[in-house]
Amino acid sequence: MTRPLWDMLLSELVGGSDDPDAGRLANEIERDVNARLRVMEEALKDVCNPLAALRRDAEAKGAKLSGMAYEIANSLSYVQGIARAALERTSVTPVSIEQSK
């Protein structure tokens, strides 16, 4: 979100109020939005390069990739899993395949 758009949104939310609670609320909203954005950006990078994501996950567990890693990383279910995990981490309800048709 661009800064002018964000400022306009916050202005609408707090109504230009001098109430300290309104400013605190605006700061909390901004932190929450930024945290969700970081999760989604990381997931998008993983979707763009699922093999790197699989390698990173394996290394974090002290494992190495097998010969099937390429097939696993490029499978639709693995990539969908990356997206669903990001949606769950940001408290967004994932859309089921049936709902998106």
N, C-alpha and C. Protein backbone atom coordinates (compact mmCIF):
# COMPACT_ATOMS: atom_id res chain seq x y z
N MET A 1 0.85 -1.17 0.00
CA MET A 1 0.00 0.00 0.00
C MET A 1 0.90 1.23 0.00
N THR A 2 0.60 2.16 -0.85
CA THR A 2 1.41 3.37 -0.92
C THR A 2 1.15 4.25 0.30
N ARG A 3 2.12 5.04 0.65
CA ARG A 3 2.01 5.87 1.85
C ARG A 3 0.82 6.83 1.80
N PRO A 4 0.58 7.57 0.70
CA PRO A 4 -0.58 8.47 0.69
C PRO A 4 -1.90 7.72 0.88
N LEU A 5 -2.01 6.53 0.25
CA LEU A 5 -3.23 5.75 0.41
C LEU A 5 -3.37 5.29 1.86
N TRP A 6 -2.26 4.85 2.46
CA TRP A 6 -2.28 4.41 3.85
C TRP A 6 -2.69 5.56 4.77
N ASP A 7 -2.11 6.74 4.55
CA ASP A 7 -2.44 7.90 5.38
C ASP A 7 -3.92 8.27 5.25
N MET A 8 -4.45 8.18 4.03
CA MET A 8 -5.86 8.48 3.82
C MET A 8 -6.74 7.46 4.55
N LEU A 9 -6.35 6.19 4.48
CA LEU A 9 -7.11 5.14 5.17
C LEU A 9 -7.10 5.37 6.67
N LEU A 10 -5.92 5.66 7.22
CA LEU A 10 -5.83 5.90 8.66
C LEU A 10 -6.65 7.12 9.06
N SER A 11 -6.62 8.15 8.24
CA SER A 11 -7.40 9.35 8.52
C SER A 11 -8.88 9.02 8.59
N GLU A 12 -9.35 8.18 7.67
CA GLU A 12 -10.76 7.77 7.68
C GLU A 12 -11.07 6.93 8.92
N LEU A 13 -10.13 6.05 9.30
CA LEU A 13 -10.37 5.18 10.46
C LEU A 13 -10.44 5.96 11.76
N VAL A 14 -9.53 6.89 11.94
CA VAL A 14 -9.48 7.60 13.21
C VAL A 14 -10.19 8.94 13.15
N GLY A 15 -10.66 9.33 11.98
CA GLY A 15 -11.44 10.55 11.84
C GLY A 15 -10.69 11.81 12.19
N GLY A 16 -9.36 11.81 12.02
CA GLY A 16 -8.58 13.00 12.34
C GLY A 16 -8.60 13.32 13.82
N SER A 17 -8.93 12.35 14.63
CA SER A 17 -9.08 12.55 16.06
C SER A 17 -7.74 12.79 16.74
N ASP A 18 -7.75 13.59 17.80
CA ASP A 18 -6.57 13.78 18.63
C ASP A 18 -6.54 12.75 19.75
N ASP A 19 -7.49 11.84 19.75
CA ASP A 19 -7.58 10.80 20.77
C ASP A 19 -6.34 9.92 20.70
N PRO A 20 -5.59 9.78 21.81
CA PRO A 20 -4.38 8.95 21.79
C PRO A 20 -4.68 7.49 21.47
N ASP A 21 -5.89 7.02 21.82
CA ASP A 21 -6.25 5.65 21.50
C ASP A 21 -6.37 5.45 19.99
N ALA A 22 -6.81 6.48 19.29
CA ALA A 22 -6.94 6.38 17.83
C ALA A 22 -5.56 6.23 17.20
N GLY A 23 -4.59 6.99 17.68
CA GLY A 23 -3.22 6.86 17.17
C GLY A 23 -2.62 5.51 17.48
N ARG A 24 -2.88 5.01 18.68
CA ARG A 24 -2.38 3.69 19.08
C ARG A 24 -3.00 2.62 18.20
N LEU A 25 -4.30 2.74 17.95
CA LEU A 25 -4.99 1.78 17.09
C LEU A 25 -4.42 1.83 15.68
N ALA A 26 -4.17 3.02 15.17
CA ALA A 26 -3.61 3.16 13.83
C ALA A 26 -2.23 2.49 13.76
N ASN A 27 -1.42 2.66 14.79
CA ASN A 27 -0.10 2.02 14.82
C ASN A 27 -0.21 0.50 14.87
N GLU A 28 -1.15 0.00 15.64
CA GLU A 28 -1.36 -1.45 15.71
C GLU A 28 -1.80 -2.00 14.36
N ILE A 29 -2.70 -1.28 13.71
CA ILE A 29 -3.17 -1.71 12.38
C ILE A 29 -2.01 -1.74 11.40
N GLU A 30 -1.18 -0.70 11.43
CA GLU A 30 -0.04 -0.63 10.51
C GLU A 30 0.94 -1.78 10.77
N ARG A 31 1.23 -2.08 12.03
CA ARG A 31 2.14 -3.20 12.35
C ARG A 31 1.55 -4.52 11.87
N ASP A 32 0.26 -4.71 12.07
CA ASP A 32 -0.40 -5.95 11.66
C ASP A 32 -0.37 -6.10 10.14
N VAL A 33 -0.69 -5.04 9.44
CA VAL A 33 -0.69 -5.08 7.97
C VAL A 33 0.72 -5.36 7.46
N ASN A 34 1.72 -4.72 8.03
CA ASN A 34 3.10 -4.95 7.61
C ASN A 34 3.55 -6.38 7.87
N ALA A 35 3.17 -6.94 9.01
CA ALA A 35 3.53 -8.33 9.31
C ALA A 35 2.86 -9.29 8.33
N ARG A 36 1.60 -9.06 8.03
CA ARG A 36 0.90 -9.91 7.06
C ARG A 36 1.53 -9.79 5.67
N LEU A 37 1.92 -8.58 5.31
CA LEU A 37 2.55 -8.35 4.02
C LEU A 37 3.86 -9.12 3.91
N ARG A 38 4.67 -9.12 4.98
CA ARG A 38 5.94 -9.86 4.96
C ARG A 38 5.70 -11.34 4.77
N VAL A 39 4.70 -11.90 5.43
CA VAL A 39 4.37 -13.33 5.28
C VAL A 39 3.97 -13.62 3.84
N MET A 40 3.11 -12.78 3.28
CA MET A 40 2.65 -13.00 1.91
C MET A 40 3.78 -12.84 0.90
N GLU A 41 4.66 -11.86 1.11
CA GLU A 41 5.79 -11.68 0.20
C GLU A 41 6.71 -12.90 0.22
N GLU A 42 6.98 -13.43 1.40
CA GLU A 42 7.82 -14.62 1.51
C GLU A 42 7.16 -15.81 0.82
N ALA A 43 5.87 -15.96 1.00
CA ALA A 43 5.16 -17.06 0.35
C ALA A 43 5.19 -16.90 -1.17
N LEU A 44 5.04 -15.69 -1.65
CA LEU A 44 5.08 -15.46 -3.09
C LEU A 44 6.46 -15.81 -3.65
N LYS A 45 7.51 -15.46 -2.94
CA LYS A 45 8.86 -15.85 -3.36
C LYS A 45 8.98 -17.37 -3.41
N ASP A 46 8.41 -18.05 -2.41
CA ASP A 46 8.47 -19.52 -2.38
C ASP A 46 7.67 -20.14 -3.51
N VAL A 47 6.55 -19.54 -3.85
CA VAL A 47 5.75 -20.04 -4.97
C VAL A 47 6.52 -19.87 -6.28
N CYS A 48 7.24 -18.77 -6.40
CA CYS A 48 8.03 -18.52 -7.61
C CYS A 48 9.23 -19.46 -7.71
N ASN A 49 9.75 -19.89 -6.59
CA ASN A 49 10.90 -20.79 -6.58
C ASN A 49 10.67 -21.89 -5.54
N PRO A 50 9.77 -22.83 -5.84
CA PRO A 50 9.42 -23.84 -4.85
C PRO A 50 10.58 -24.78 -4.49
N LEU A 51 11.52 -24.99 -5.40
CA LEU A 51 12.66 -25.86 -5.09
C LEU A 51 13.53 -25.23 -4.01
N ALA A 52 13.75 -23.93 -4.08
CA ALA A 52 14.52 -23.24 -3.04
C ALA A 52 13.80 -23.32 -1.70
N ALA A 53 12.49 -23.19 -1.71
CA ALA A 53 11.71 -23.30 -0.47
C ALA A 53 11.83 -24.69 0.12
N LEU A 54 11.75 -25.71 -0.73
CA LEU A 54 11.86 -27.10 -0.27
C LEU A 54 13.26 -27.34 0.29
N ARG A 55 14.28 -26.81 -0.38
CA ARG A 55 15.66 -26.97 0.09
C ARG A 55 15.84 -26.29 1.44
N ARG A 56 15.31 -25.08 1.59
CA ARG A 56 15.43 -24.34 2.86
C ARG A 56 14.74 -25.10 4.00
N ASP A 57 13.56 -25.64 3.72
CA ASP A 57 12.84 -26.41 4.74
C ASP A 57 13.60 -27.66 5.13
N ALA A 58 14.19 -28.34 4.14
CA ALA A 58 14.95 -29.55 4.42
C ALA A 58 16.18 -29.23 5.26
N GLU A 59 16.90 -28.18 4.89
CA GLU A 59 18.10 -27.80 5.63
C GLU A 59 17.77 -27.40 7.06
N ALA A 60 16.62 -26.75 7.26
CA ALA A 60 16.20 -26.36 8.61
C ALA A 60 15.96 -27.58 9.49
N LYS A 61 15.62 -28.70 8.85
CA LYS A 61 15.37 -29.95 9.58
C LYS A 61 16.61 -30.85 9.59
N GLY A 62 17.73 -30.34 9.05
CA GLY A 62 18.95 -31.12 9.01
C GLY A 62 18.93 -32.23 7.96
N ALA A 63 18.11 -32.07 6.95
CA ALA A 63 17.98 -33.09 5.90
C ALA A 63 18.51 -32.54 4.58
N LYS A 64 18.65 -33.45 3.62
CA LYS A 64 19.05 -33.07 2.27
C LYS A 64 17.97 -33.52 1.31
N LEU A 65 17.92 -32.87 0.17
CA LEU A 65 16.91 -33.20 -0.83
C LEU A 65 17.28 -34.50 -1.55
N SER A 66 16.26 -35.24 -1.89
CA SER A 66 16.46 -36.47 -2.65
C SER A 66 16.27 -36.18 -4.14
N GLY A 67 16.39 -37.21 -4.94
CA GLY A 67 16.21 -37.06 -6.38
C GLY A 67 14.79 -36.68 -6.77
N MET A 68 13.84 -36.90 -5.88
CA MET A 68 12.44 -36.58 -6.18
C MET A 68 12.10 -35.13 -5.83
N ALA A 69 13.07 -34.38 -5.34
CA ALA A 69 12.80 -33.02 -4.88
C ALA A 69 12.21 -32.14 -5.99
N TYR A 70 12.72 -32.27 -7.20
CA TYR A 70 12.23 -31.44 -8.30
C TYR A 70 10.75 -31.72 -8.55
N GLU A 71 10.36 -32.99 -8.59
CA GLU A 71 8.95 -33.33 -8.82
C GLU A 71 8.06 -32.85 -7.68
N ILE A 72 8.55 -33.01 -6.45
CA ILE A 72 7.76 -32.57 -5.30
C ILE A 72 7.59 -31.05 -5.31
N ALA A 73 8.70 -30.34 -5.52
CA ALA A 73 8.67 -28.88 -5.47
C ALA A 73 7.77 -28.29 -6.56
N ASN A 74 7.70 -28.96 -7.68
CA ASN A 74 6.90 -28.44 -8.79
C ASN A 74 5.51 -29.05 -8.87
N SER A 75 5.14 -29.79 -7.86
CA SER A 75 3.78 -30.34 -7.86
C SER A 75 2.79 -29.26 -7.42
N LEU A 76 1.63 -29.30 -8.00
CA LEU A 76 0.59 -28.32 -7.68
C LEU A 76 0.26 -28.35 -6.19
N SER A 77 0.17 -29.52 -5.61
CA SER A 77 -0.22 -29.60 -4.19
C SER A 77 0.83 -28.97 -3.28
N TYR A 78 2.12 -29.09 -3.63
CA TYR A 78 3.16 -28.46 -2.81
C TYR A 78 3.05 -26.94 -2.88
N VAL A 79 2.88 -26.41 -4.09
CA VAL A 79 2.78 -24.96 -4.27
C VAL A 79 1.51 -24.43 -3.60
N GLN A 80 0.42 -25.17 -3.73
CA GLN A 80 -0.81 -24.76 -3.03
C GLN A 80 -0.61 -24.78 -1.53
N GLY A 81 0.15 -25.73 -1.03
CA GLY A 81 0.44 -25.80 0.41
C GLY A 81 1.18 -24.57 0.90
N ILE A 82 2.11 -24.07 0.09
CA ILE A 82 2.83 -22.84 0.44
C ILE A 82 1.83 -21.69 0.60
N ALA A 83 0.94 -21.57 -0.38
CA ALA A 83 -0.05 -20.48 -0.34
C ALA A 83 -1.02 -20.65 0.83
N ARG A 84 -1.49 -21.86 1.04
CA ARG A 84 -2.44 -22.09 2.15
C ARG A 84 -1.80 -21.80 3.50
N ALA A 85 -0.54 -22.19 3.67
CA ALA A 85 0.16 -21.93 4.94
C ALA A 85 0.27 -20.43 5.19
N ALA A 86 0.56 -19.67 4.14
CA ALA A 86 0.66 -18.21 4.30
C ALA A 86 -0.70 -17.62 4.67
N LEU A 87 -1.75 -18.10 4.03
CA LEU A 87 -3.09 -17.61 4.36
C LEU A 87 -3.45 -17.94 5.80
N GLU A 88 -3.10 -19.13 6.26
CA GLU A 88 -3.39 -19.51 7.64
C GLU A 88 -2.58 -18.66 8.61
N ARG A 89 -1.31 -18.39 8.28
CA ARG A 89 -0.46 -17.58 9.16
C ARG A 89 -0.95 -16.14 9.25
N THR A 90 -1.68 -15.69 8.25
CA THR A 90 -2.19 -14.31 8.27
C THR A 90 -3.66 -14.26 8.63
N SER A 91 -4.21 -15.39 9.06
CA SER A 91 -5.61 -15.49 9.48
C SER A 91 -6.59 -15.17 8.36
N VAL A 92 -6.20 -15.47 7.14
CA VAL A 92 -7.10 -15.30 6.00
C VAL A 92 -7.62 -16.69 5.65
N THR A 93 -8.91 -16.82 5.48
CA THR A 93 -9.49 -18.12 5.16
C THR A 93 -9.17 -18.49 3.72
N PRO A 94 -8.45 -19.62 3.52
CA PRO A 94 -8.16 -20.02 2.15
C PRO A 94 -9.43 -20.38 1.38
N VAL A 95 -9.43 -20.08 0.11
CA VAL A 95 -10.55 -20.42 -0.75
C VAL A 95 -10.35 -21.85 -1.22
N SER A 96 -11.37 -22.65 -1.08
CA SER A 96 -11.24 -24.02 -1.56
C SER A 96 -11.31 -24.03 -3.07
N ILE A 97 -10.85 -25.10 -3.65
CA ILE A 97 -10.86 -25.23 -5.11
C ILE A 97 -12.29 -25.13 -5.63
N GLU A 98 -13.24 -25.72 -4.94
CA GLU A 98 -14.63 -25.68 -5.37
C GLU A 98 -15.18 -24.27 -5.35
N GLN A 99 -14.79 -23.46 -4.35
CA GLN A 99 -15.29 -22.09 -4.25
C GLN A 99 -14.74 -21.20 -5.34
N SER A 100 -13.53 -21.52 -5.84
CA SER A 100 -12.90 -20.64 -6.83
C SER A 100 -13.38 -20.90 -8.24
N LYS A 101 -14.16 -21.95 -8.45
CA LYS A 101 -14.65 -22.28 -9.81
C LYS A 101 -15.87 -21.47 -10.15
